[in-house]
Amino acid sequence: HITGVASPDGNYARNADLASRRMRYVASQLLSGLSPTNLRYTNQSQRSRVASWEEVAVQLEKDSLLAEAAELRRVIARYPANRNNPGPAMDRQFAVIRGLPFYADKIKPRLEILRSVSFT
């Protein structure tokens, strides 16, 4: 099982594509080391996603930035994402969030934590 995750910073569609490319690259590297015989017996599951701003709020809380996390949640509540099509709402959320006075020094440094590829 391989999962690629991009941070919510920036355009949603671009981030979704980035997460997918990360995941596919890791999958190709892992699978290239298997012989055709072993590859036949693998059960592959690949998934990519864009992390939510809620996940950023959780990171802020872990660092005791409670007021900043609360402000982030107010933005999220104002522009709720549709589960089937989160892109438009997340783009609106980002437009507001990047204008917050603590975006550059408190939010942006925590985005790196969310960017990942994992496999089991």
PDB file of N, CA and C in Angstrom:
ATOM      1  N   HIS A   1       0.857  -1.164   0.000  1.00  0.00           N
ATOM      2  CA  HIS A   1       0.000   0.000   0.000  1.00  0.00           C
ATOM      3  C   HIS A   1       0.905   1.230   0.000  1.00  0.00           C
ATOM      4  N   ILE A   2       0.678   2.106  -0.951  1.00  0.00           N
ATOM      5  CA  ILE A   2       1.488   3.323  -1.070  1.00  0.00           C
ATOM      6  C   ILE A   2       0.550   4.514  -1.041  1.00  0.00           C
ATOM      7  N   THR A   3       0.885   5.505  -0.209  1.00  0.00           N
ATOM      8  CA  THR A   3       0.082   6.722  -0.107  1.00  0.00           C
ATOM      9  C   THR A   3       0.976   7.932  -0.287  1.00  0.00           C
ATOM     10  N   GLY A   4       0.588   8.828  -1.187  1.00  0.00           N
ATOM     11  CA  GLY A   4       1.296  10.088  -1.382  1.00  0.00           C
ATOM     12  C   GLY A   4       0.437  11.230  -0.870  1.00  0.00           C
ATOM     13  N   VAL A   5       1.041  12.159  -0.144  1.00  0.00           N
ATOM     14  CA  VAL A   5       0.298  13.274   0.445  1.00  0.00           C
ATOM     15  C   VAL A   5       1.000  14.586   0.102  1.00  0.00           C
ATOM     16  N   ALA A   6       0.224  15.561  -0.329  1.00  0.00           N
ATOM     17  CA  ALA A   6       0.729  16.913  -0.566  1.00  0.00           C
ATOM     18  C   ALA A   6       0.111  17.840   0.472  1.00  0.00           C
ATOM     19  N   SER A   7       0.784  18.934   0.777  1.00  0.00           N
ATOM     20  CA  SER A   7       0.220  19.909   1.710  1.00  0.00           C
ATOM     21  C   SER A   7      -0.877  20.703   0.997  1.00  0.00           C
ATOM     22  N   PRO A   8      -1.749  21.375   1.747  1.00  0.00           N
ATOM     23  CA  PRO A   8      -2.829  22.140   1.132  1.00  0.00           C
ATOM     24  C   PRO A   8      -2.401  23.525   0.643  1.00  0.00           C
ATOM     25  N   ASP A   9      -1.142  23.827   0.757  1.00  0.00           N
ATOM     26  CA  ASP A   9      -0.601  25.137   0.385  1.00  0.00           C
ATOM     27  C   ASP A   9      -0.590  25.303  -1.132  1.00  0.00           C
ATOM     28  N   GLY A  10      -1.408  26.196  -1.656  1.00  0.00           N
ATOM     29  CA  GLY A  10      -1.449  26.438  -3.096  1.00  0.00           C
ATOM     30  C   GLY A  10      -2.705  25.877  -3.744  1.00  0.00           C
ATOM     31  N   ASN A  11      -2.670  25.749  -5.052  1.00  0.00           N
ATOM     32  CA  ASN A  11      -3.802  25.279  -5.845  1.00  0.00           C
ATOM     33  C   ASN A  11      -4.078  23.800  -5.587  1.00  0.00           C
ATOM     34  N   TYR A  12      -5.332  23.471  -5.306  1.00  0.00           N
ATOM     35  CA  TYR A  12      -5.706  22.099  -4.968  1.00  0.00           C
ATOM     36  C   TYR A  12      -5.382  21.115  -6.091  1.00  0.00           C
ATOM     37  N   ALA A  13      -5.756  21.433  -7.316  1.00  0.00           N
ATOM     38  CA  ALA A  13      -5.527  20.511  -8.442  1.00  0.00           C
ATOM     39  C   ALA A  13      -4.040  20.234  -8.622  1.00  0.00           C
ATOM     40  N   ARG A  14      -3.226  21.269  -8.500  1.00  0.00           N
ATOM     41  CA  ARG A  14      -1.776  21.095  -8.625  1.00  0.00           C
ATOM     42  C   ARG A  14      -1.236  20.219  -7.497  1.00  0.00           C
ATOM     43  N   ASN A  15      -1.728  20.429  -6.297  1.00  0.00           N
ATOM     44  CA  ASN A  15      -1.298  19.624  -5.156  1.00  0.00           C
ATOM     45  C   ASN A  15      -1.732  18.163  -5.296  1.00  0.00           C
ATOM     46  N   ALA A  16      -2.947  17.942  -5.793  1.00  0.00           N
ATOM     47  CA  ALA A  16      -3.425  16.567  -6.007  1.00  0.00           C
ATOM     48  C   ALA A  16      -2.542  15.856  -7.026  1.00  0.00           C
ATOM     49  N   ASP A  17      -2.171  16.567  -8.086  1.00  0.00           N
ATOM     50  CA  ASP A  17      -1.280  15.996  -9.102  1.00  0.00           C
ATOM     51  C   ASP A  17       0.091  15.702  -8.504  1.00  0.00           C
ATOM     52  N   LEU A  18       0.602  16.601  -7.696  1.00  0.00           N
ATOM     53  CA  LEU A  18       1.905  16.411  -7.062  1.00  0.00           C
ATOM     54  C   LEU A  18       1.897  15.178  -6.152  1.00  0.00           C
ATOM     55  N   ALA A  19       0.858  15.011  -5.356  1.00  0.00           N
ATOM     56  CA  ALA A  19       0.746  13.846  -4.472  1.00  0.00           C
ATOM     57  C   ALA A  19       0.716  12.563  -5.291  1.00  0.00           C
ATOM     58  N   SER A  20      -0.018  12.593  -6.386  1.00  0.00           N
ATOM     59  CA  SER A  20      -0.114  11.419  -7.257  1.00  0.00           C
ATOM     60  C   SER A  20       1.233  11.089  -7.897  1.00  0.00           C
ATOM     61  N   ARG A  21       1.942  12.113  -8.359  1.00  0.00           N
ATOM     62  CA  ARG A  21       3.259  11.870  -8.969  1.00  0.00           C
ATOM     63  C   ARG A  21       4.253  11.326  -7.951  1.00  0.00           C
ATOM     64  N   ARG A  22       4.224  11.843  -6.742  1.00  0.00           N
ATOM     65  CA  ARG A  22       5.101  11.325  -5.687  1.00  0.00           C
ATOM     66  C   ARG A  22       4.826   9.845  -5.438  1.00  0.00           C
ATOM     67  N   MET A  23       3.549   9.520  -5.328  1.00  0.00           N
ATOM     68  CA  MET A  23       3.145   8.158  -5.058  1.00  0.00           C
ATOM     69  C   MET A  23       3.556   7.230  -6.201  1.00  0.00           C
ATOM     70  N   ARG A  24       3.337   7.647  -7.443  1.00  0.00           N
ATOM     71  CA  ARG A  24       3.703   6.809  -8.597  1.00  0.00           C
ATOM     72  C   ARG A  24       5.211   6.609  -8.689  1.00  0.00           C
ATOM     73  N   TYR A  25       5.987   7.645  -8.375  1.00  0.00           N
ATOM     74  CA  TYR A  25       7.440   7.519  -8.425  1.00  0.00           C
ATOM     75  C   TYR A  25       7.928   6.482  -7.415  1.00  0.00           C
ATOM     76  N   VAL A  26       7.447   6.568  -6.184  1.00  0.00           N
ATOM     77  CA  VAL A  26       7.852   5.611  -5.158  1.00  0.00           C
ATOM     78  C   VAL A  26       7.410   4.206  -5.558  1.00  0.00           C
ATOM     79  N   ALA A  27       6.197   4.071  -6.082  1.00  0.00           N
ATOM     80  CA  ALA A  27       5.718   2.758  -6.525  1.00  0.00           C
ATOM     81  C   ALA A  27       6.625   2.186  -7.609  1.00  0.00           C
ATOM     82  N   SER A  28       7.011   3.005  -8.578  1.00  0.00           N
ATOM     83  CA  SER A  28       7.869   2.504  -9.657  1.00  0.00           C
ATOM     84  C   SER A  28       9.226   2.078  -9.118  1.00  0.00           C
ATOM     85  N   GLN A  29       9.761   2.830  -8.157  1.00  0.00           N
ATOM     86  CA  GLN A  29      11.053   2.469  -7.574  1.00  0.00           C
ATOM     87  C   GLN A  29      10.960   1.166  -6.772  1.00  0.00           C
ATOM     88  N   LEU A  30       9.911   1.018  -5.999  1.00  0.00           N
ATOM     89  CA  LEU A  30       9.745  -0.204  -5.204  1.00  0.00           C
ATOM     90  C   LEU A  30       9.512  -1.423  -6.089  1.00  0.00           C
ATOM     91  N   LEU A  31       8.643  -1.263  -7.061  1.00  0.00           N
ATOM     92  CA  LEU A  31       8.282  -2.403  -7.904  1.00  0.00           C
ATOM     93  C   LEU A  31       9.377  -2.773  -8.896  1.00  0.00           C
ATOM     94  N   SER A  32      10.247  -1.838  -9.242  1.00  0.00           N
ATOM     95  CA  SER A  32      11.314  -2.140 -10.191  1.00  0.00           C
ATOM     96  C   SER A  32      12.313  -3.130  -9.597  1.00  0.00           C
ATOM     97  N   GLY A  33      12.365  -3.248  -8.296  1.00  0.00           N
ATOM     98  CA  GLY A  33      13.281  -4.179  -7.649  1.00  0.00           C
ATOM     99  C   GLY A  33      12.740  -5.589  -7.534  1.00  0.00           C
ATOM    100  N   LEU A  34      11.498  -5.804  -7.930  1.00  0.00           N
ATOM    101  CA  LEU A  34      10.908  -7.135  -7.836  1.00  0.00           C
ATOM    102  C   LEU A  34      11.034  -7.875  -9.164  1.00  0.00           C
ATOM    103  N   SER A  35      11.271  -9.132  -9.075  1.00  0.00           N
ATOM    104  CA  SER A  35      11.313  -9.945 -10.295  1.00  0.00           C
ATOM    105  C   SER A  35       9.886 -10.131 -10.805  1.00  0.00           C
ATOM    106  N   PRO A  36       9.726 -10.439 -12.096  1.00  0.00           N
ATOM    107  CA  PRO A  36       8.366 -10.666 -12.626  1.00  0.00           C
ATOM    108  C   PRO A  36       7.601 -11.734 -11.849  1.00  0.00           C
ATOM    109  N   THR A  37       8.309 -12.744 -11.368  1.00  0.00           N
ATOM    110  CA  THR A  37       7.649 -13.796 -10.596  1.00  0.00           C
ATOM    111  C   THR A  37       7.105 -13.242  -9.284  1.00  0.00           C
ATOM    112  N   ASN A  38       7.921 -12.476  -8.569  1.00  0.00           N
ATOM    113  CA  ASN A  38       7.475 -11.894  -7.301  1.00  0.00           C
ATOM    114  C   ASN A  38       6.405 -10.832  -7.512  1.00  0.00           C
ATOM    115  N   LEU A  39       6.506 -10.096  -8.602  1.00  0.00           N
ATOM    116  CA  LEU A  39       5.536  -9.048  -8.901  1.00  0.00           C
ATOM    117  C   LEU A  39       4.134  -9.628  -9.065  1.00  0.00           C
ATOM    118  N   ARG A  40       4.064 -10.841  -9.566  1.00  0.00           N
ATOM    119  CA  ARG A  40       2.785 -11.516  -9.773  1.00  0.00           C
ATOM    120  C   ARG A  40       2.039 -11.711  -8.454  1.00  0.00           C
ATOM    121  N   TYR A  41       2.767 -11.812  -7.345  1.00  0.00           N
ATOM    122  CA  TYR A  41       2.155 -12.103  -6.058  1.00  0.00           C
ATOM    123  C   TYR A  41       1.921 -10.867  -5.193  1.00  0.00           C
ATOM    124  N   THR A  42       2.146  -9.689  -5.760  1.00  0.00           N
ATOM    125  CA  THR A  42       1.927  -8.482  -4.970  1.00  0.00           C
ATOM    126  C   THR A  42       0.475  -8.048  -5.055  1.00  0.00           C
ATOM    127  N   ASN A  43      -0.014  -7.504  -3.967  1.00  0.00           N
ATOM    128  CA  ASN A  43      -1.352  -6.918  -3.916  1.00  0.00           C
ATOM    129  C   ASN A  43      -1.133  -5.416  -3.753  1.00  0.00           C
ATOM    130  N   GLN A  44      -1.284  -4.683  -4.839  1.00  0.00           N
ATOM    131  CA  GLN A  44      -0.929  -3.268  -4.822  1.00  0.00           C
ATOM    132  C   GLN A  44      -2.140  -2.376  -4.576  1.00  0.00           C
ATOM    133  N   SER A  45      -1.924  -1.388  -3.755  1.00  0.00           N
ATOM    134  CA  SER A  45      -2.933  -0.367  -3.489  1.00  0.00           C
ATOM    135  C   SER A  45      -2.204   0.972  -3.485  1.00  0.00           C
ATOM    136  N   GLN A  46      -2.634   1.888  -4.333  1.00  0.00           N
ATOM    137  CA  GLN A  46      -1.988   3.194  -4.415  1.00  0.00           C
ATOM    138  C   GLN A  46      -3.047   4.280  -4.224  1.00  0.00           C
ATOM    139  N   ARG A  47      -2.696   5.277  -3.420  1.00  0.00           N
ATOM    140  CA  ARG A  47      -3.639   6.342  -3.100  1.00  0.00           C
ATOM    141  C   ARG A  47      -2.862   7.641  -2.917  1.00  0.00           C
ATOM    142  N   SER A  48      -3.424   8.714  -3.397  1.00  0.00           N
ATOM    143  CA  SER A  48      -2.815  10.022  -3.155  1.00  0.00           C
ATOM    144  C   SER A  48      -3.898  10.980  -2.669  1.00  0.00           C
ATOM    145  N   ARG A  49      -3.458  11.993  -1.940  1.00  0.00           N
ATOM    146  CA  ARG A  49      -4.427  12.957  -1.406  1.00  0.00           C
ATOM    147  C   ARG A  49      -3.725  14.258  -1.062  1.00  0.00           C
ATOM    148  N   VAL A  50      -4.540  15.277  -0.897  1.00  0.00           N
ATOM    149  CA  VAL A  50      -4.060  16.576  -0.423  1.00  0.00           C
ATOM    150  C   VAL A  50      -4.473  16.674   1.041  1.00  0.00           C
ATOM    151  N   ALA A  51      -3.511  16.966   1.894  1.00  0.00           N
ATOM    152  CA  ALA A  51      -3.817  17.133   3.318  1.00  0.00           C
ATOM    153  C   ALA A  51      -4.796  18.298   3.493  1.00  0.00           C
ATOM    154  N   SER A  52      -5.572  18.248   4.542  1.00  0.00           N
ATOM    155  CA  SER A  52      -6.551  19.294   4.808  1.00  0.00           C
ATOM    156  C   SER A  52      -5.954  20.390   5.685  1.00  0.00           C
ATOM    157  N   TRP A  53      -6.620  21.526   5.680  1.00  0.00           N
ATOM    158  CA  TRP A  53      -6.194  22.600   6.584  1.00  0.00           C
ATOM    159  C   TRP A  53      -6.466  22.216   8.034  1.00  0.00           C
ATOM    160  N   GLU A  54      -7.416  21.313   8.255  1.00  0.00           N
ATOM    161  CA  GLU A  54      -7.664  20.796   9.602  1.00  0.00           C
ATOM    162  C   GLU A  54      -6.407  20.104  10.136  1.00  0.00           C
ATOM    163  N   GLU A  55      -5.703  19.387   9.280  1.00  0.00           N
ATOM    164  CA  GLU A  55      -4.461  18.733   9.694  1.00  0.00           C
ATOM    165  C   GLU A  55      -3.401  19.768  10.086  1.00  0.00           C
ATOM    166  N   VAL A  56      -3.419  20.908   9.417  1.00  0.00           N
ATOM    167  CA  VAL A  56      -2.497  21.991   9.784  1.00  0.00           C
ATOM    168  C   VAL A  56      -2.886  22.543  11.154  1.00  0.00           C
ATOM    169  N   ALA A  57      -4.196  22.688  11.397  1.00  0.00           N
ATOM    170  CA  ALA A  57      -4.665  23.168  12.700  1.00  0.00           C
ATOM    171  C   ALA A  57      -4.211  22.226  13.815  1.00  0.00           C
ATOM    172  N   VAL A  58      -4.255  20.937  13.561  1.00  0.00           N
ATOM    173  CA  VAL A  58      -3.801  19.958  14.556  1.00  0.00           C
ATOM    174  C   VAL A  58      -2.308  20.155  14.844  1.00  0.00           C
ATOM    175  N   GLN A  59      -1.520  20.400  13.806  1.00  0.00           N
ATOM    176  CA  GLN A  59      -0.085  20.649  14.004  1.00  0.00           C
ATOM    177  C   GLN A  59       0.142  21.908  14.837  1.00  0.00           C
ATOM    178  N   LEU A  60      -0.638  22.940  14.573  1.00  0.00           N
ATOM    179  CA  LEU A  60      -0.524  24.169  15.362  1.00  0.00           C
ATOM    180  C   LEU A  60      -0.829  23.893  16.826  1.00  0.00           C
ATOM    181  N   GLU A  61      -1.882  23.110  17.076  1.00  0.00           N
ATOM    182  CA  GLU A  61      -2.235  22.780  18.465  1.00  0.00           C
ATOM    183  C   GLU A  61      -1.133  21.985  19.149  1.00  0.00           C
ATOM    184  N   LYS A  62      -0.504  21.073  18.421  1.00  0.00           N
ATOM    185  CA  LYS A  62       0.597  20.293  19.007  1.00  0.00           C
ATOM    186  C   LYS A  62       1.730  21.199  19.473  1.00  0.00           C
ATOM    187  N   ASP A  63       1.862  22.342  18.815  1.00  0.00           N
ATOM    188  CA  ASP A  63       2.900  23.307  19.181  1.00  0.00           C
ATOM    189  C   ASP A  63       2.357  24.427  20.064  1.00  0.00           C
ATOM    190  N   SER A  64       1.204  24.187  20.681  1.00  0.00           N
ATOM    191  CA  SER A  64       0.564  25.127  21.615  1.00  0.00           C
ATOM    192  C   SER A  64       0.194  26.460  20.985  1.00  0.00           C
ATOM    193  N   LEU A  65      -0.084  26.467  19.696  1.00  0.00           N
ATOM    194  CA  LEU A  65      -0.540  27.680  19.005  1.00  0.00           C
ATOM    195  C   LEU A  65      -2.066  27.602  18.864  1.00  0.00           C
ATOM    196  N   LEU A  66      -2.733  27.673  19.991  1.00  0.00           N
ATOM    197  CA  LEU A  66      -4.172  27.444  20.056  1.00  0.00           C
ATOM    198  C   LEU A  66      -4.990  28.533  19.378  1.00  0.00           C
ATOM    199  N   ALA A  67      -4.611  29.784  19.543  1.00  0.00           N
ATOM    200  CA  ALA A  67      -5.353  30.880  18.913  1.00  0.00           C
ATOM    201  C   ALA A  67      -5.237  30.779  17.390  1.00  0.00           C
ATOM    202  N   GLU A  68      -4.071  30.434  16.899  1.00  0.00           N
ATOM    203  CA  GLU A  68      -3.855  30.308  15.459  1.00  0.00           C
ATOM    204  C   GLU A  68      -4.656  29.125  14.900  1.00  0.00           C
ATOM    205  N   ALA A  69      -4.681  28.021  15.635  1.00  0.00           N
ATOM    206  CA  ALA A  69      -5.469  26.853  15.209  1.00  0.00           C
ATOM    207  C   ALA A  69      -6.959  27.206  15.166  1.00  0.00           C
ATOM    208  N   ALA A  70      -7.428  27.959  16.152  1.00  0.00           N
ATOM    209  CA  ALA A  70      -8.834  28.367  16.191  1.00  0.00           C
ATOM    210  C   ALA A  70      -9.171  29.263  14.998  1.00  0.00           C
ATOM    211  N   GLU A  71      -8.279  30.176  14.647  1.00  0.00           N
ATOM    212  CA  GLU A  71      -8.511  31.050  13.491  1.00  0.00           C
ATOM    213  C   GLU A  71      -8.555  30.241  12.198  1.00  0.00           C
ATOM    214  N   LEU A  72      -7.678  29.263  12.087  1.00  0.00           N
ATOM    215  CA  LEU A  72      -7.675  28.393  10.908  1.00  0.00           C
ATOM    216  C   LEU A  72      -8.999  27.640  10.804  1.00  0.00           C
ATOM    217  N   ARG A  73      -9.497  27.163  11.922  1.00  0.00           N
ATOM    218  CA  ARG A  73     -10.779  26.439  11.918  1.00  0.00           C
ATOM    219  C   ARG A  73     -11.952  27.357  11.572  1.00  0.00           C
ATOM    220  N   ARG A  74     -11.860  28.629  11.928  1.00  0.00           N
ATOM    221  CA  ARG A  74     -12.917  29.573  11.539  1.00  0.00           C
ATOM    222  C   ARG A  74     -12.960  29.720  10.012  1.00  0.00           C
ATOM    223  N   VAL A  75     -11.793  29.776   9.393  1.00  0.00           N
ATOM    224  CA  VAL A  75     -11.730  29.861   7.922  1.00  0.00           C
ATOM    225  C   VAL A  75     -12.297  28.589   7.304  1.00  0.00           C
ATOM    226  N   ILE A  76     -11.906  27.443   7.842  1.00  0.00           N
ATOM    227  CA  ILE A  76     -12.390  26.155   7.324  1.00  0.00           C
ATOM    228  C   ILE A  76     -13.912  26.083   7.421  1.00  0.00           C
ATOM    229  N   ALA A  77     -14.469  26.531   8.546  1.00  0.00           N
ATOM    230  CA  ALA A  77     -15.923  26.501   8.742  1.00  0.00           C
ATOM    231  C   ALA A  77     -16.637  27.461   7.790  1.00  0.00           C
ATOM    232  N   ARG A  78     -15.995  28.569   7.481  1.00  0.00           N
ATOM    233  CA  ARG A  78     -16.602  29.554   6.579  1.00  0.00           C
ATOM    234  C   ARG A  78     -16.690  29.027   5.145  1.00  0.00           C
ATOM    235  N   TYR A  79     -15.721  28.183   4.752  1.00  0.00           N
ATOM    236  CA  TYR A  79     -15.664  27.621   3.400  1.00  0.00           C
ATOM    237  C   TYR A  79     -15.556  26.102   3.484  1.00  0.00           C
ATOM    238  N   PRO A  80     -16.632  25.432   3.883  1.00  0.00           N
ATOM    239  CA  PRO A  80     -16.563  23.977   4.054  1.00  0.00           C
ATOM    240  C   PRO A  80     -16.354  23.261   2.714  1.00  0.00           C
ATOM    241  N   ALA A  81     -15.533  22.214   2.761  1.00  0.00           N
ATOM    242  CA  ALA A  81     -15.222  21.451   1.551  1.00  0.00           C
ATOM    243  C   ALA A  81     -16.256  20.349   1.330  1.00  0.00           C
ATOM    244  N   ASN A  82     -16.605  20.150   0.084  1.00  0.00           N
ATOM    245  CA  ASN A  82     -17.462  19.052  -0.331  1.00  0.00           C
ATOM    246  C   ASN A  82     -16.589  17.806  -0.410  1.00  0.00           C
ATOM    247  N   ARG A  83     -16.971  16.741   0.236  1.00  0.00           N
ATOM    248  CA  ARG A  83     -16.164  15.518   0.267  1.00  0.00           C
ATOM    249  C   ARG A  83     -15.876  14.992  -1.141  1.00  0.00           C
ATOM    250  N   ASN A  84     -16.832  15.104  -2.052  1.00  0.00           N
ATOM    251  CA  ASN A  84     -16.661  14.588  -3.409  1.00  0.00           C
ATOM    252  C   ASN A  84     -15.864  15.519  -4.313  1.00  0.00           C
ATOM    253  N   ASN A  85     -15.827  16.809  -3.972  1.00  0.00           N
ATOM    254  CA  ASN A  85     -15.104  17.785  -4.788  1.00  0.00           C
ATOM    255  C   ASN A  85     -14.552  18.879  -3.870  1.00  0.00           C
ATOM    256  N   PRO A  86     -13.480  18.576  -3.130  1.00  0.00           N
ATOM    257  CA  PRO A  86     -12.966  19.536  -2.153  1.00  0.00           C
ATOM    258  C   PRO A  86     -12.184  20.697  -2.754  1.00  0.00           C
ATOM    259  N   GLY A  87     -11.782  20.583  -4.001  1.00  0.00           N
ATOM    260  CA  GLY A  87     -10.901  21.574  -4.612  1.00  0.00           C
ATOM    261  C   GLY A  87     -11.344  23.021  -4.513  1.00  0.00           C
ATOM    262  N   PRO A  88     -12.553  23.367  -4.969  1.00  0.00           N
ATOM    263  CA  PRO A  88     -12.962  24.782  -4.925  1.00  0.00           C
ATOM    264  C   PRO A  88     -12.934  25.380  -3.516  1.00  0.00           C
ATOM    265  N   ALA A  89     -13.437  24.640  -2.532  1.00  0.00           N
ATOM    266  CA  ALA A  89     -13.443  25.164  -1.155  1.00  0.00           C
ATOM    267  C   ALA A  89     -12.027  25.280  -0.613  1.00  0.00           C
ATOM    268  N   MET A  90     -11.187  24.295  -0.903  1.00  0.00           N
ATOM    269  CA  MET A  90      -9.810  24.360  -0.391  1.00  0.00           C
ATOM    270  C   MET A  90      -9.035  25.495  -1.048  1.00  0.00           C
ATOM    271  N   ASP A  91      -9.333  25.790  -2.310  1.00  0.00           N
ATOM    272  CA  ASP A  91      -8.691  26.944  -2.950  1.00  0.00           C
ATOM    273  C   ASP A  91      -9.139  28.242  -2.289  1.00  0.00           C
ATOM    274  N   ARG A  92     -10.437  28.346  -1.934  1.00  0.00           N
ATOM    275  CA  ARG A  92     -10.933  29.534  -1.226  1.00  0.00           C
ATOM    276  C   ARG A  92     -10.315  29.624   0.168  1.00  0.00           C
ATOM    277  N   GLN A  93     -10.236  28.482   0.854  1.00  0.00           N
ATOM    278  CA  GLN A  93      -9.607  28.468   2.177  1.00  0.00           C
ATOM    279  C   GLN A  93      -8.176  28.987   2.086  1.00  0.00           C
ATOM    280  N   PHE A  94      -7.416  28.487   1.105  1.00  0.00           N
ATOM    281  CA  PHE A  94      -6.026  28.907   0.958  1.00  0.00           C
ATOM    282  C   PHE A  94      -5.932  30.403   0.682  1.00  0.00           C
ATOM    283  N   ALA A  95      -6.830  30.931  -0.139  1.00  0.00           N
ATOM    284  CA  ALA A  95      -6.791  32.361  -0.467  1.00  0.00           C
ATOM    285  C   ALA A  95      -6.915  33.208   0.800  1.00  0.00           C
ATOM    286  N   VAL A  96      -7.748  32.761   1.736  1.00  0.00           N
ATOM    287  CA  VAL A  96      -7.916  33.496   2.993  1.00  0.00           C
ATOM    288  C   VAL A  96      -6.752  33.215   3.944  1.00  0.00           C
ATOM    289  N   ILE A  97      -6.370  31.954   4.049  1.00  0.00           N
ATOM    290  CA  ILE A  97      -5.330  31.547   5.011  1.00  0.00           C
ATOM    291  C   ILE A  97      -3.995  32.202   4.702  1.00  0.00           C
ATOM    292  N   ARG A  98      -3.644  32.303   3.429  1.00  0.00           N
ATOM    293  CA  ARG A  98      -2.333  32.905   3.114  1.00  0.00           C
ATOM    294  C   ARG A  98      -2.290  34.391   3.473  1.00  0.00           C
ATOM    295  N   GLY A  99      -3.453  35.005   3.700  1.00  0.00           N
ATOM    296  CA  GLY A  99      -3.509  36.407   4.126  1.00  0.00           C
ATOM    297  C   GLY A  99      -3.471  36.596   5.635  1.00  0.00           C
ATOM    298  N   LEU A 100      -3.489  35.496   6.384  1.00  0.00           N
ATOM    299  CA  LEU A 100      -3.441  35.607   7.843  1.00  0.00           C
ATOM    300  C   LEU A 100      -2.076  36.137   8.271  1.00  0.00           C
ATOM    301  N   PRO A 101      -2.027  36.976   9.303  1.00  0.00           N
ATOM    302  CA  PRO A 101      -0.753  37.590   9.706  1.00  0.00           C
ATOM    303  C   PRO A 101       0.300  36.585  10.179  1.00  0.00           C
ATOM    304  N   PHE A 102      -0.116  35.399  10.581  1.00  0.00           N
ATOM    305  CA  PHE A 102       0.829  34.393  11.074  1.00  0.00           C
ATOM    306  C   PHE A 102       1.108  33.293  10.046  1.00  0.00           C
ATOM    307  N   TYR A 103       0.631  33.490   8.806  1.00  0.00           N
ATOM    308  CA  TYR A 103       0.811  32.457   7.773  1.00  0.00           C
ATOM    309  C   TYR A 103       2.287  32.127   7.531  1.00  0.00           C
ATOM    310  N   ALA A 104       3.098  33.126   7.270  1.00  0.00           N
ATOM    311  CA  ALA A 104       4.498  32.892   6.884  1.00  0.00           C
ATOM    312  C   ALA A 104       5.332  32.288   8.010  1.00  0.00           C
ATOM    313  N   ASP A 105       5.120  32.763   9.236  1.00  0.00           N
ATOM    314  CA  ASP A 105       6.014  32.295  10.300  1.00  0.00           C
ATOM    315  C   ASP A 105       5.468  31.137  11.126  1.00  0.00           C
ATOM    316  N   LYS A 106       4.157  30.892  11.091  1.00  0.00           N
ATOM    317  CA  LYS A 106       3.623  29.817  11.922  1.00  0.00           C
ATOM    318  C   LYS A 106       2.991  28.680  11.112  1.00  0.00           C
ATOM    319  N   ILE A 107       2.351  28.995  10.002  1.00  0.00           N
ATOM    320  CA  ILE A 107       1.706  27.950   9.199  1.00  0.00           C
ATOM    321  C   ILE A 107       2.685  27.334   8.211  1.00  0.00           C
ATOM    322  N   LYS A 108       3.309  28.165   7.409  1.00  0.00           N
ATOM    323  CA  LYS A 108       4.166  27.668   6.328  1.00  0.00           C
ATOM    324  C   LYS A 108       5.239  26.680   6.811  1.00  0.00           C
ATOM    325  N   PRO A 109       5.919  26.933   7.937  1.00  0.00           N
ATOM    326  CA  PRO A 109       6.931  25.964   8.394  1.00  0.00           C
ATOM    327  C   PRO A 109       6.357  24.585   8.759  1.00  0.00           C
ATOM    328  N   ARG A 110       5.075  24.518   9.073  1.00  0.00           N
ATOM    329  CA  ARG A 110       4.469  23.245   9.478  1.00  0.00           C
ATOM    330  C   ARG A 110       3.932  22.433   8.299  1.00  0.00           C
ATOM    331  N   LEU A 111       3.916  23.010   7.126  1.00  0.00           N
ATOM    332  CA  LEU A 111       3.393  22.301   5.957  1.00  0.00           C
ATOM    333  C   LEU A 111       4.286  21.134   5.544  1.00  0.00           C
ATOM    334  N   GLU A 112       5.569  21.277   5.752  1.00  0.00           N
ATOM    335  CA  GLU A 112       6.523  20.223   5.376  1.00  0.00           C
ATOM    336  C   GLU A 112       6.197  18.893   6.063  1.00  0.00           C
ATOM    337  N   ILE A 113       5.688  18.961   7.280  1.00  0.00           N
ATOM    338  CA  ILE A 113       5.345  17.758   8.041  1.00  0.00           C
ATOM    339  C   ILE A 113       4.306  16.923   7.300  1.00  0.00           C
ATOM    340  N   LEU A 114       3.424  17.592   6.569  1.00  0.00           N
ATOM    341  CA  LEU A 114       2.323  16.892   5.902  1.00  0.00           C
ATOM    342  C   LEU A 114       2.719  16.271   4.570  1.00  0.00           C
ATOM    343  N   ARG A 115       3.783  16.752   3.953  1.00  0.00           N
ATOM    344  CA  ARG A 115       4.208  16.258   2.640  1.00  0.00           C
ATOM    345  C   ARG A 115       4.941  14.945   2.809  1.00  0.00           C
ATOM    346  N   SER A 116       4.391  13.881   2.240  1.00  0.00           N
ATOM    347  CA  SER A 116       5.014  12.584   2.467  1.00  0.00           C
ATOM    348  C   SER A 116       4.580  11.543   1.448  1.00  0.00           C
ATOM    349  N   VAL A 117       5.317  10.478   1.436  1.00  0.00           N
ATOM    350  CA  VAL A 117       4.926   9.248   0.753  1.00  0.00           C
ATOM    351  C   VAL A 117       5.202   8.143   1.751  1.00  0.00           C
ATOM    352  N   SER A 118       4.230   7.281   1.958  1.00  0.00           N
ATOM    353  CA  SER A 118       4.425   6.166   2.881  1.00  0.00           C
ATOM    354  C   SER A 118       4.052   4.873   2.180  1.00  0.00           C
ATOM    355  N   PHE A 119       4.643   3.789   2.641  1.00  0.00           N
ATOM    356  CA  PHE A 119       4.288   2.489   2.087  1.00  0.00           C
ATOM    357  C   PHE A 119       4.368   1.423   3.175  1.00  0.00           C
ATOM    358  N   THR A 120       3.493   0.442   3.057  1.00  0.00           N
ATOM    359  CA  THR A 120       3.503  -0.686   3.969  1.00  0.00           C
ATOM    360  C   THR A 120       3.461  -1.958   3.144  1.00  0.00           C
TER     361      THR A 120
END
